Amino acid sequence: MAPDMAKLVLAFVHRDDAAKVLDALRGAELRVTELRSEGGFLRAGNSTLLLAVDDEQVPLAMAVIERNCQRRSEQVPVELLGGLDSAWLPTEVTHGGATVVVLPIEDIRRF
């Protein structure tokens, strides 16, 4: 495969959306690897999805991820406030959905 014809799609997906996104990606015949991860302000459980795709498959992957993820509001756990006076801090944050990064890759080899 030519260097400019492949992309690595990294999608950081909320744990509540991960199964639905994985099923949809596989249903679209896209190969995907899931790594369970944790991160963000809430230290929430996520799945990091890795897809090595041809350039023309990127729009499909992005559309599938977008259709199957949603943003949500959650309460900030008191322990994350670190003993601060929480009167001026937000006690509810909106997060979730997906954060997606697309990177060029030199080669895809499947053995």
PDB file of N, CA and C in Angstrom:
ATOM      1  N   MET A   1       0.844  -1.175   0.000  1.00  0.00           N
ATOM      2  CA  MET A   1       0.000   0.000   0.000  1.00  0.00           C
ATOM      3  C   MET A   1       0.889   1.237   0.000  1.00  0.00           C
ATOM      4  N   ALA A   2       0.545   2.219  -0.786  1.00  0.00           N
ATOM      5  CA  ALA A   2       1.318   3.457  -0.869  1.00  0.00           C
ATOM      6  C   ALA A   2       1.215   4.235   0.439  1.00  0.00           C
ATOM      7  N   PRO A   3       2.278   4.969   0.815  1.00  0.00           N
ATOM      8  CA  PRO A   3       2.290   5.687   2.092  1.00  0.00           C
ATOM      9  C   PRO A   3       1.140   6.661   2.290  1.00  0.00           C
ATOM     10  N   ASP A   4       0.679   7.316   1.234  1.00  0.00           N
ATOM     11  CA  ASP A   4      -0.365   8.313   1.404  1.00  0.00           C
ATOM     12  C   ASP A   4      -1.774   7.737   1.266  1.00  0.00           C
ATOM     13  N   MET A   5      -1.902   6.422   1.314  1.00  0.00           N
ATOM     14  CA  MET A   5      -3.202   5.808   1.107  1.00  0.00           C
ATOM     15  C   MET A   5      -3.728   5.086   2.332  1.00  0.00           C
ATOM     16  N   ALA A   6      -3.103   5.265   3.477  1.00  0.00           N
ATOM     17  CA  ALA A   6      -3.543   4.569   4.676  1.00  0.00           C
ATOM     18  C   ALA A   6      -3.584   5.522   5.864  1.00  0.00           C
ATOM     19  N   LYS A   7      -4.502   5.248   6.762  1.00  0.00           N
ATOM     20  CA  LYS A   7      -4.649   6.071   7.967  1.00  0.00           C
ATOM     21  C   LYS A   7      -4.830   5.161   9.180  1.00  0.00           C
ATOM     22  N   LEU A   8      -4.366   5.671  10.317  1.00  0.00           N
ATOM     23  CA  LEU A   8      -4.644   5.044  11.598  1.00  0.00           C
ATOM     24  C   LEU A   8      -5.678   5.915  12.287  1.00  0.00           C
ATOM     25  N   VAL A   9      -6.834   5.334  12.569  1.00  0.00           N
ATOM     26  CA  VAL A   9      -7.894   6.045  13.259  1.00  0.00           C
ATOM     27  C   VAL A   9      -7.866   5.595  14.718  1.00  0.00           C
ATOM     28  N   LEU A  10      -7.647   6.554  15.625  1.00  0.00           N
ATOM     29  CA  LEU A  10      -7.687   6.304  17.064  1.00  0.00           C
ATOM     30  C   LEU A  10      -8.953   6.961  17.585  1.00  0.00           C
ATOM     31  N   ALA A  11      -9.833   6.171  18.154  1.00  0.00           N
ATOM     32  CA  ALA A  11     -11.080   6.721  18.693  1.00  0.00           C
ATOM     33  C   ALA A  11     -11.149   6.398  20.177  1.00  0.00           C
ATOM     34  N   PHE A  12     -11.287   7.438  20.981  1.00  0.00           N
ATOM     35  CA  PHE A  12     -11.431   7.289  22.422  1.00  0.00           C
ATOM     36  C   PHE A  12     -12.919   7.406  22.709  1.00  0.00           C
ATOM     37  N   VAL A  13     -13.547   6.288  23.073  1.00  0.00           N
ATOM     38  CA  VAL A  13     -14.996   6.180  23.157  1.00  0.00           C
ATOM     39  C   VAL A  13     -15.411   5.889  24.594  1.00  0.00           C
ATOM     40  N   HIS A  14     -16.464   6.545  25.066  1.00  0.00           N
ATOM     41  CA  HIS A  14     -16.995   6.319  26.414  1.00  0.00           C
ATOM     42  C   HIS A  14     -17.394   4.854  26.576  1.00  0.00           C
ATOM     43  N   ARG A  15     -17.165   4.314  27.754  1.00  0.00           N
ATOM     44  CA  ARG A  15     -17.436   2.892  28.006  1.00  0.00           C
ATOM     45  C   ARG A  15     -18.881   2.502  27.706  1.00  0.00           C
ATOM     46  N   ASP A  16     -19.823   3.427  27.906  1.00  0.00           N
ATOM     47  CA  ASP A  16     -21.227   3.095  27.665  1.00  0.00           C
ATOM     48  C   ASP A  16     -21.557   2.986  26.177  1.00  0.00           C
ATOM     49  N   ASP A  17     -20.705   3.517  25.319  1.00  0.00           N
ATOM     50  CA  ASP A  17     -20.932   3.465  23.876  1.00  0.00           C
ATOM     51  C   ASP A  17     -20.085   2.407  23.174  1.00  0.00           C
ATOM     52  N   ALA A  18     -19.093   1.880  23.848  1.00  0.00           N
ATOM     53  CA  ALA A  18     -18.075   1.047  23.200  1.00  0.00           C
ATOM     54  C   ALA A  18     -18.662  -0.177  22.480  1.00  0.00           C
ATOM     55  N   ALA A  19     -19.531  -0.935  23.123  1.00  0.00           N
ATOM     56  CA  ALA A  19     -20.058  -2.159  22.499  1.00  0.00           C
ATOM     57  C   ALA A  19     -20.844  -1.831  21.231  1.00  0.00           C
ATOM     58  N   LYS A  20     -21.648  -0.780  21.288  1.00  0.00           N
ATOM     59  CA  LYS A  20     -22.453  -0.371  20.136  1.00  0.00           C
ATOM     60  C   LYS A  20     -21.553   0.073  18.974  1.00  0.00           C
ATOM     61  N   VAL A  21     -20.520   0.838  19.281  1.00  0.00           N
ATOM     62  CA  VAL A  21     -19.597   1.311  18.245  1.00  0.00           C
ATOM     63  C   VAL A  21     -18.845   0.135  17.626  1.00  0.00           C
ATOM     64  N   LEU A  22     -18.354  -0.768  18.468  1.00  0.00           N
ATOM     65  CA  LEU A  22     -17.625  -1.934  17.957  1.00  0.00           C
ATOM     66  C   LEU A  22     -18.506  -2.764  17.026  1.00  0.00           C
ATOM     67  N   ASP A  23     -19.735  -3.038  17.441  1.00  0.00           N
ATOM     68  CA  ASP A  23     -20.652  -3.814  16.600  1.00  0.00           C
ATOM     69  C   ASP A  23     -20.889  -3.117  15.266  1.00  0.00           C
ATOM     70  N   ALA A  24     -21.092  -1.808  15.305  1.00  0.00           N
ATOM     71  CA  ALA A  24     -21.363  -1.051  14.083  1.00  0.00           C
ATOM     72  C   ALA A  24     -20.142  -1.023  13.161  1.00  0.00           C
ATOM     73  N   LEU A  25     -18.942  -0.853  13.715  1.00  0.00           N
ATOM     74  CA  LEU A  25     -17.730  -0.853  12.897  1.00  0.00           C
ATOM     75  C   LEU A  25     -17.532  -2.209  12.231  1.00  0.00           C
ATOM     76  N   ARG A  26     -17.727  -3.271  13.001  1.00  0.00           N
ATOM     77  CA  ARG A  26     -17.580  -4.622  12.443  1.00  0.00           C
ATOM     78  C   ARG A  26     -18.664  -4.894  11.410  1.00  0.00           C
ATOM     79  N   GLY A  27     -19.877  -4.379  11.656  1.00  0.00           N
ATOM     80  CA  GLY A  27     -20.963  -4.519  10.694  1.00  0.00           C
ATOM     81  C   GLY A  27     -20.661  -3.802   9.388  1.00  0.00           C
ATOM     82  N   ALA A  28     -19.856  -2.744   9.446  1.00  0.00           N
ATOM     83  CA  ALA A  28     -19.438  -2.010   8.254  1.00  0.00           C
ATOM     84  C   ALA A  28     -18.188  -2.638   7.629  1.00  0.00           C
ATOM     85  N   GLU A  29     -17.813  -3.808   8.144  1.00  0.00           N
ATOM     86  CA  GLU A  29     -16.657  -4.572   7.663  1.00  0.00           C
ATOM     87  C   GLU A  29     -15.338  -3.813   7.823  1.00  0.00           C
ATOM     88  N   LEU A  30     -15.236  -3.068   8.932  1.00  0.00           N
ATOM     89  CA  LEU A  30     -13.985  -2.394   9.280  1.00  0.00           C
ATOM     90  C   LEU A  30     -13.321  -3.193  10.399  1.00  0.00           C
ATOM     91  N   ARG A  31     -12.054  -3.433  10.262  1.00  0.00           N
ATOM     92  CA  ARG A  31     -11.305  -4.153  11.302  1.00  0.00           C
ATOM     93  C   ARG A  31     -10.985  -3.180  12.426  1.00  0.00           C
ATOM     94  N   VAL A  32     -11.224  -3.617  13.643  1.00  0.00           N
ATOM     95  CA  VAL A  32     -11.021  -2.730  14.786  1.00  0.00           C
ATOM     96  C   VAL A  32     -10.450  -3.532  15.954  1.00  0.00           C
ATOM     97  N   THR A  33      -9.551  -2.891  16.693  1.00  0.00           N
ATOM     98  CA  THR A  33      -8.999  -3.465  17.921  1.00  0.00           C
ATOM     99  C   THR A  33      -9.392  -2.550  19.063  1.00  0.00           C
ATOM    100  N   GLU A  34      -9.846  -3.144  20.160  1.00  0.00           N
ATOM    101  CA  GLU A  34     -10.255  -2.381  21.339  1.00  0.00           C
ATOM    102  C   GLU A  34      -9.232  -2.543  22.450  1.00  0.00           C
ATOM    103  N   LEU A  35      -8.838  -1.415  23.035  1.00  0.00           N
ATOM    104  CA  LEU A  35      -8.014  -1.408  24.238  1.00  0.00           C
ATOM    105  C   LEU A  35      -8.812  -0.687  25.308  1.00  0.00           C
ATOM    106  N   ARG A  36      -9.025  -1.320  26.420  1.00  0.00           N
ATOM    107  CA  ARG A  36      -9.755  -0.644  27.491  1.00  0.00           C
ATOM    108  C   ARG A  36      -8.820   0.374  28.135  1.00  0.00           C
ATOM    109  N   SER A  37      -9.353   1.545  28.405  1.00  0.00           N
ATOM    110  CA  SER A  37      -8.523   2.631  28.923  1.00  0.00           C
ATOM    111  C   SER A  37      -9.312   3.458  29.923  1.00  0.00           C
ATOM    112  N   GLU A  38      -8.623   4.397  30.536  1.00  0.00           N
ATOM    113  CA  GLU A  38      -9.238   5.288  31.519  1.00  0.00           C
ATOM    114  C   GLU A  38      -8.611   6.655  31.352  1.00  0.00           C
ATOM    115  N   GLY A  39      -9.421   7.694  31.509  1.00  0.00           N
ATOM    116  CA  GLY A  39      -8.819   9.012  31.382  1.00  0.00           C
ATOM    117  C   GLY A  39      -9.819  10.129  31.493  1.00  0.00           C
ATOM    118  N   GLY A  40      -9.329  11.327  31.265  1.00  0.00           N
ATOM    119  CA  GLY A  40     -10.162  12.509  31.349  1.00  0.00           C
ATOM    120  C   GLY A  40     -10.320  12.988  32.778  1.00  0.00           C
ATOM    121  N   PHE A  41     -10.997  14.112  32.922  1.00  0.00           N
ATOM    122  CA  PHE A  41     -11.196  14.733  34.226  1.00  0.00           C
ATOM    123  C   PHE A  41     -11.896  13.790  35.203  1.00  0.00           C
ATOM    124  N   LEU A  42     -12.876  13.027  34.714  1.00  0.00           N
ATOM    125  CA  LEU A  42     -13.629  12.130  35.595  1.00  0.00           C
ATOM    126  C   LEU A  42     -12.961  10.771  35.780  1.00  0.00           C
ATOM    127  N   ARG A  43     -11.829  10.584  35.101  1.00  0.00           N
ATOM    128  CA  ARG A  43     -11.138   9.292  35.149  1.00  0.00           C
ATOM    129  C   ARG A  43     -12.088   8.168  34.755  1.00  0.00           C
ATOM    130  N   ALA A  44     -12.903   8.448  33.773  1.00  0.00           N
ATOM    131  CA  ALA A  44     -13.936   7.511  33.341  1.00  0.00           C
ATOM    132  C   ALA A  44     -13.337   6.385  32.507  1.00  0.00           C
ATOM    133  N   GLY A  45     -14.031   5.258  32.526  1.00  0.00           N
ATOM    134  CA  GLY A  45     -13.639   4.137  31.693  1.00  0.00           C
ATOM    135  C   GLY A  45     -13.949   4.422  30.238  1.00  0.00           C
ATOM    136  N   ASN A  46     -13.000   4.118  29.388  1.00  0.00           N
ATOM    137  CA  ASN A  46     -13.140   4.327  27.955  1.00  0.00           C
ATOM    138  C   ASN A  46     -12.681   3.082  27.228  1.00  0.00           C
ATOM    139  N   SER A  47     -12.899   3.091  25.944  1.00  0.00           N
ATOM    140  CA  SER A  47     -12.260   2.130  25.061  1.00  0.00           C
ATOM    141  C   SER A  47     -11.500   2.934  24.026  1.00  0.00           C
ATOM    142  N   THR A  48     -10.254   2.553  23.809  1.00  0.00           N
ATOM    143  CA  THR A  48      -9.474   3.145  22.738  1.00  0.00           C
ATOM    144  C   THR A  48      -9.577   2.181  21.569  1.00  0.00           C
ATOM    145  N   LEU A  49     -10.157   2.662  20.470  1.00  0.00           N
ATOM    146  CA  LEU A  49     -10.348   1.829  19.296  1.00  0.00           C
ATOM    147  C   LEU A  49      -9.299   2.185  18.256  1.00  0.00           C
ATOM    148  N   LEU A  50      -8.664   1.174  17.691  1.00  0.00           N
ATOM    149  CA  LEU A  50      -7.637   1.367  16.672  1.00  0.00           C
ATOM    150  C   LEU A  50      -8.110   0.737  15.372  1.00  0.00           C
ATOM    151  N   LEU A  51      -8.110   1.538  14.312  1.00  0.00           N
ATOM    152  CA  LEU A  51      -8.492   1.055  12.992  1.00  0.00           C
ATOM    153  C   LEU A  51      -7.420   1.464  11.997  1.00  0.00           C
ATOM    154  N   ALA A  52      -6.870   0.532  11.267  1.00  0.00           N
ATOM    155  CA  ALA A  52      -5.959   0.840  10.162  1.00  0.00           C
ATOM    156  C   ALA A  52      -6.794   0.699   8.899  1.00  0.00           C
ATOM    157  N   VAL A  53      -7.006   1.823   8.209  1.00  0.00           N
ATOM    158  CA  VAL A  53      -7.927   1.829   7.070  1.00  0.00           C
ATOM    159  C   VAL A  53      -7.307   2.528   5.872  1.00  0.00           C
ATOM    160  N   ASP A  54      -7.862   2.233   4.692  1.00  0.00           N
ATOM    161  CA  ASP A  54      -7.503   2.976   3.488  1.00  0.00           C
ATOM    162  C   ASP A  54      -8.118   4.365   3.597  1.00  0.00           C
ATOM    163  N   ASP A  55      -7.538   5.316   2.876  1.00  0.00           N
ATOM    164  CA  ASP A  55      -8.037   6.696   2.904  1.00  0.00           C
ATOM    165  C   ASP A  55      -9.537   6.783   2.656  1.00  0.00           C
ATOM    166  N   GLU A  56     -10.025   6.041   1.683  1.00  0.00           N
ATOM    167  CA  GLU A  56     -11.440   6.146   1.327  1.00  0.00           C
ATOM    168  C   GLU A  56     -12.368   5.562   2.391  1.00  0.00           C
ATOM    169  N   GLN A  57     -11.829   4.823   3.362  1.00  0.00           N
ATOM    170  CA  GLN A  57     -12.652   4.262   4.434  1.00  0.00           C
ATOM    171  C   GLN A  57     -12.776   5.203   5.639  1.00  0.00           C
ATOM    172  N   VAL A  58     -11.971   6.256   5.679  1.00  0.00           N
ATOM    173  CA  VAL A  58     -11.998   7.181   6.817  1.00  0.00           C
ATOM    174  C   VAL A  58     -13.377   7.812   7.003  1.00  0.00           C
ATOM    175  N   PRO A  59     -14.024   8.349   5.961  1.00  0.00           N
ATOM    176  CA  PRO A  59     -15.357   8.929   6.172  1.00  0.00           C
ATOM    177  C   PRO A  59     -16.375   7.928   6.720  1.00  0.00           C
ATOM    178  N   LEU A  60     -16.308   6.690   6.260  1.00  0.00           N
ATOM    179  CA  LEU A  60     -17.210   5.653   6.775  1.00  0.00           C
ATOM    180  C   LEU A  60     -16.949   5.414   8.259  1.00  0.00           C
ATOM    181  N   ALA A  61     -15.692   5.252   8.636  1.00  0.00           N
ATOM    182  CA  ALA A  61     -15.350   5.021  10.044  1.00  0.00           C
ATOM    183  C   ALA A  61     -15.819   6.182  10.917  1.00  0.00           C
ATOM    184  N   MET A  62     -15.581   7.408  10.454  1.00  0.00           N
ATOM    185  CA  MET A  62     -15.992   8.586  11.227  1.00  0.00           C
ATOM    186  C   MET A  62     -17.510   8.639  11.382  1.00  0.00           C
ATOM    187  N   ALA A  63     -18.244   8.355  10.317  1.00  0.00           N
ATOM    188  CA  ALA A  63     -19.708   8.389  10.371  1.00  0.00           C
ATOM    189  C   ALA A  63     -20.249   7.330  11.327  1.00  0.00           C
ATOM    190  N   VAL A  64     -19.681   6.134  11.292  1.00  0.00           N
ATOM    191  CA  VAL A  64     -20.131   5.052  12.178  1.00  0.00           C
ATOM    192  C   VAL A  64     -19.874   5.440  13.631  1.00  0.00           C
ATOM    193  N   ILE A  65     -18.709   5.979  13.922  1.00  0.00           N
ATOM    194  CA  ILE A  65     -18.380   6.380  15.293  1.00  0.00           C
ATOM    195  C   ILE A  65     -19.322   7.488  15.753  1.00  0.00           C
ATOM    196  N   GLU A  66     -19.519   8.493  14.917  1.00  0.00           N
ATOM    197  CA  GLU A  66     -20.376   9.621  15.289  1.00  0.00           C
ATOM    198  C   GLU A  66     -21.821   9.180  15.546  1.00  0.00           C
ATOM    199  N   ARG A  67     -22.343   8.301  14.700  1.00  0.00           N
ATOM    200  CA  ARG A  67     -23.736   7.835  14.848  1.00  0.00           C
ATOM    201  C   ARG A  67     -23.956   7.025  16.115  1.00  0.00           C
ATOM    202  N   ASN A  68     -22.905   6.396  16.627  1.00  0.00           N
ATOM    203  CA  ASN A  68     -23.073   5.454  17.728  1.00  0.00           C
ATOM    204  C   ASN A  68     -22.525   5.936  19.064  1.00  0.00           C
ATOM    205  N   CYS A  69     -22.162   7.207  19.152  1.00  0.00           N
ATOM    206  CA  CYS A  69     -21.675   7.788  20.405  1.00  0.00           C
ATOM    207  C   CYS A  69     -22.572   8.938  20.808  1.00  0.00           C
ATOM    208  N   GLN A  70     -22.685   9.155  22.103  1.00  0.00           N
ATOM    209  CA  GLN A  70     -23.471  10.292  22.572  1.00  0.00           C
ATOM    210  C   GLN A  70     -22.769  10.969  23.737  1.00  0.00           C
ATOM    211  N   ARG A  71     -23.002  12.262  23.846  1.00  0.00           N
ATOM    212  CA  ARG A  71     -22.489  13.020  24.986  1.00  0.00           C
ATOM    213  C   ARG A  71     -23.472  12.864  26.129  1.00  0.00           C
ATOM    214  N   ARG A  72     -22.979  12.948  27.354  1.00  0.00           N
ATOM    215  CA  ARG A  72     -23.825  12.780  28.536  1.00  0.00           C
ATOM    216  C   ARG A  72     -23.343  13.675  29.655  1.00  0.00           C
ATOM    217  N   SER A  73     -24.222  13.950  30.589  1.00  0.00           N
ATOM    218  CA  SER A  73     -23.871  14.744  31.771  1.00  0.00           C
ATOM    219  C   SER A  73     -23.714  13.815  32.954  1.00  0.00           C
ATOM    220  N   GLU A  74     -22.685  14.061  33.759  1.00  0.00           N
ATOM    221  CA  GLU A  74     -22.446  13.261  34.963  1.00  0.00           C
ATOM    222  C   GLU A  74     -22.033  14.176  36.101  1.00  0.00           C
ATOM    223  N   GLN A  75     -22.336  13.731  37.305  1.00  0.00           N
ATOM    224  CA  GLN A  75     -21.931  14.453  38.503  1.00  0.00           C
ATOM    225  C   GLN A  75     -20.438  14.241  38.741  1.00  0.00           C
ATOM    226  N   VAL A  76     -19.770  15.292  39.188  1.00  0.00           N
ATOM    227  CA  VAL A  76     -18.347  15.196  39.517  1.00  0.00           C
ATOM    228  C   VAL A  76     -18.229  14.565  40.899  1.00  0.00           C
ATOM    229  N   PRO A  77     -17.531  13.421  41.004  1.00  0.00           N
ATOM    230  CA  PRO A  77     -17.343  12.800  42.315  1.00  0.00           C
ATOM    231  C   PRO A  77     -16.594  13.738  43.268  1.00  0.00           C
ATOM    232  N   VAL A  78     -17.031  13.771  44.517  1.00  0.00           N
ATOM    233  CA  VAL A  78     -16.450  14.666  45.519  1.00  0.00           C
ATOM    234  C   VAL A  78     -14.944  14.457  45.654  1.00  0.00           C
ATOM    235  N   GLU A  79     -14.468  13.223  45.560  1.00  0.00           N
ATOM    236  CA  GLU A  79     -13.037  12.951  45.732  1.00  0.00           C
ATOM    237  C   GLU A  79     -12.190  13.606  44.640  1.00  0.00           C
ATOM    238  N   LEU A  80     -12.771  13.902  43.488  1.00  0.00           N
ATOM    239  CA  LEU A  80     -12.017  14.573  42.427  1.00  0.00           C
ATOM    240  C   LEU A  80     -11.829  16.064  42.698  1.00  0.00           C
ATOM    241  N   LEU A  81     -12.604  16.600  43.609  1.00  0.00           N
ATOM    242  CA  LEU A  81     -12.489  18.015  43.937  1.00  0.00           C
ATOM    243  C   LEU A  81     -11.316  18.284  44.866  1.00  0.00           C
ATOM    244  N   GLY A  82     -10.719  17.229  45.426  1.00  0.00           N
ATOM    245  CA  GLY A  82      -9.500  17.350  46.219  1.00  0.00           C
ATOM    246  C   GLY A  82      -9.633  18.212  47.457  1.00  0.00           C
ATOM    247  N   GLY A  83     -10.776  18.189  48.104  1.00  0.00           N
ATOM    248  CA  GLY A  83     -10.967  18.951  49.328  1.00  0.00           C
ATOM    249  C   GLY A  83     -11.217  20.428  49.099  1.00  0.00           C
ATOM    250  N   LEU A  84     -11.357  20.849  47.867  1.00  0.00           N
ATOM    251  CA  LEU A  84     -11.628  22.256  47.570  1.00  0.00           C
ATOM    252  C   LEU A  84     -13.068  22.599  47.924  1.00  0.00           C
ATOM    253  N   ASP A  85     -13.294  23.857  48.212  1.00  0.00           N
ATOM    254  CA  ASP A  85     -14.651  24.329  48.436  1.00  0.00           C
ATOM    255  C   ASP A  85     -15.380  24.217  47.102  1.00  0.00           C
ATOM    256  N   SER A  86     -16.342  23.333  47.029  1.00  0.00           N
ATOM    257  CA  SER A  86     -16.993  23.041  45.759  1.00  0.00           C
ATOM    258  C   SER A  86     -18.105  24.025  45.414  1.00  0.00           C
ATOM    259  N   ALA A  87     -18.317  25.042  46.247  1.00  0.00           N
ATOM    260  CA  ALA A  87     -19.402  25.990  45.983  1.00  0.00           C
ATOM    261  C   ALA A  87     -19.220  26.701  44.637  1.00  0.00           C
ATOM    262  N   TRP A  88     -17.993  26.953  44.217  1.00  0.00           N
ATOM    263  CA  TRP A  88     -17.751  27.669  42.968  1.00  0.00           C
ATOM    264  C   TRP A  88     -17.356  26.747  41.817  1.00  0.00           C
ATOM    265  N   LEU A  89     -17.181  25.455  42.103  1.00  0.00           N
ATOM    266  CA  LEU A  89     -16.784  24.501  41.064  1.00  0.00           C
ATOM    267  C   LEU A  89     -18.015  23.854  40.435  1.00  0.00           C
ATOM    268  N   PRO A  90     -17.928  23.468  39.163  1.00  0.00           N
ATOM    269  CA  PRO A  90     -19.061  22.763  38.555  1.00  0.00           C
ATOM    270  C   PRO A  90     -19.220  21.388  39.194  1.00  0.00           C
ATOM    271  N   THR A  91     -20.442  21.018  39.477  1.00  0.00           N
ATOM    272  CA  THR A  91     -20.683  19.697  40.063  1.00  0.00           C
ATOM    273  C   THR A  91     -21.214  18.730  39.018  1.00  0.00           C
ATOM    274  N   GLU A  92     -21.453  19.237  37.825  1.00  0.00           N
ATOM    275  CA  GLU A  92     -21.897  18.396  36.735  1.00  0.00           C
ATOM    276  C   GLU A  92     -21.128  18.800  35.483  1.00  0.00           C
ATOM    277  N   VAL A  93     -20.647  17.798  34.750  1.00  0.00           N
ATOM    278  CA  VAL A  93     -19.914  18.069  33.517  1.00  0.00           C
ATOM    279  C   VAL A  93     -20.515  17.250  32.382  1.00  0.00           C
ATOM    280  N   THR A  94     -20.368  17.783  31.176  1.00  0.00           N
ATOM    281  CA  THR A  94     -20.796  17.060  29.986  1.00  0.00           C
ATOM    282  C   THR A  94     -19.565  16.434  29.359  1.00  0.00           C
ATOM    283  N   HIS A  95     -19.649  15.163  29.077  1.00  0.00           N
ATOM    284  CA  HIS A  95     -18.522  14.462  28.453  1.00  0.00           C
ATOM    285  C   HIS A  95     -19.062  13.268  27.688  1.00  0.00           C
ATOM    286  N   GLY A  96     -18.174  12.436  27.234  1.00  0.00           N
ATOM    287  CA  GLY A  96     -18.590  11.250  26.501  1.00  0.00           C
ATOM    288  C   GLY A  96     -18.491  11.467  25.015  1.00  0.00           C
ATOM    289  N   GLY A  97     -19.294  10.738  24.291  1.00  0.00           N
ATOM    290  CA  GLY A  97     -19.152  10.797  22.854  1.00  0.00           C
ATOM    291  C   GLY A  97     -17.843  10.142  22.479  1.00  0.00           C
ATOM    292  N   ALA A  98     -17.126  10.743  21.577  1.00  0.00           N
ATOM    293  CA  ALA A  98     -15.840  10.188  21.161  1.00  0.00           C
ATOM    294  C   ALA A  98     -14.883  11.312  20.806  1.00  0.00           C
ATOM    295  N   THR A  99     -13.615  11.062  21.029  1.00  0.00           N
ATOM    296  CA  THR A  99     -12.547  11.915  20.527  1.00  0.00           C
ATOM    297  C   THR A  99     -11.798  11.059  19.519  1.00  0.00           C
ATOM    298  N   VAL A 100     -11.653  11.564  18.288  1.00  0.00           N
ATOM    299  CA  VAL A 100     -11.059  10.773  17.220  1.00  0.00           C
ATOM    300  C   VAL A 100      -9.851  11.503  16.639  1.00  0.00           C
ATOM    301  N   VAL A 101      -8.779  10.756  16.466  1.00  0.00           N
ATOM    302  CA  VAL A 101      -7.551  11.269  15.868  1.00  0.00           C
ATOM    303  C   VAL A 101      -7.255  10.407  14.645  1.00  0.00           C
ATOM    304  N   VAL A 102      -6.935  11.047  13.528  1.00  0.00           N
ATOM    305  CA  VAL A 102      -6.599  10.323  12.303  1.00  0.00           C
ATOM    306  C   VAL A 102      -5.155  10.667  11.940  1.00  0.00           C
ATOM    307  N   LEU A 103      -4.338   9.621  11.802  1.00  0.00           N
ATOM    308  CA  LEU A 103      -2.913   9.791  11.526  1.00  0.00           C
ATOM    309  C   LEU A 103      -2.522   9.058  10.253  1.00  0.00           C
ATOM    310  N   PRO A 104      -1.601   9.625   9.482  1.00  0.00           N
ATOM    311  CA  PRO A 104      -1.107   8.898   8.305  1.00  0.00           C
ATOM    312  C   PRO A 104      -0.222   7.733   8.751  1.00  0.00           C
ATOM    313  N   ILE A 105      -0.282   6.660   8.007  1.00  0.00           N
ATOM    314  CA  ILE A 105       0.623   5.526   8.286  1.00  0.00           C
ATOM    315  C   ILE A 105       1.286   5.112   6.969  1.00  0.00           C
ATOM    316  N   GLU A 106       2.456   4.557   7.096  1.00  0.00           N
ATOM    317  CA  GLU A 106       3.227   4.168   5.914  1.00  0.00           C
ATOM    318  C   GLU A 106       2.710   2.919   5.247  1.00  0.00           C
ATOM    319  N   ASP A 107       2.264   1.967   6.026  1.00  0.00           N
ATOM    320  CA  ASP A 107       1.984   0.667   5.462  1.00  0.00           C
ATOM    321  C   ASP A 107       0.991  -0.083   6.335  1.00  0.00           C
ATOM    322  N   ILE A 108       0.186  -0.900   5.713  1.00  0.00           N
ATOM    323  CA  ILE A 108      -0.673  -1.845   6.435  1.00  0.00           C
ATOM    324  C   ILE A 108      -0.292  -3.235   5.945  1.00  0.00           C
ATOM    325  N   ARG A 109       0.042  -4.099   6.862  1.00  0.00           N
ATOM    326  CA  ARG A 109       0.356  -5.490   6.501  1.00  0.00           C
ATOM    327  C   ARG A 109      -0.490  -6.412   7.360  1.00  0.00           C
ATOM    328  N   ARG A 110      -1.167  -7.298   6.724  1.00  0.00           N
ATOM    329  CA  ARG A 110      -2.005  -8.268   7.438  1.00  0.00           C
ATOM    330  C   ARG A 110      -1.477  -9.647   7.120  1.00  0.00           C
ATOM    331  N   PHE A 111      -1.085 -10.373   8.136  1.00  0.00           N
ATOM    332  CA  PHE A 111      -0.498 -11.708   7.953  1.00  0.00           C
ATOM    333  C   PHE A 111      -1.453 -12.770   8.424  1.00  0.00           C
TER     334      PHE A 111
END
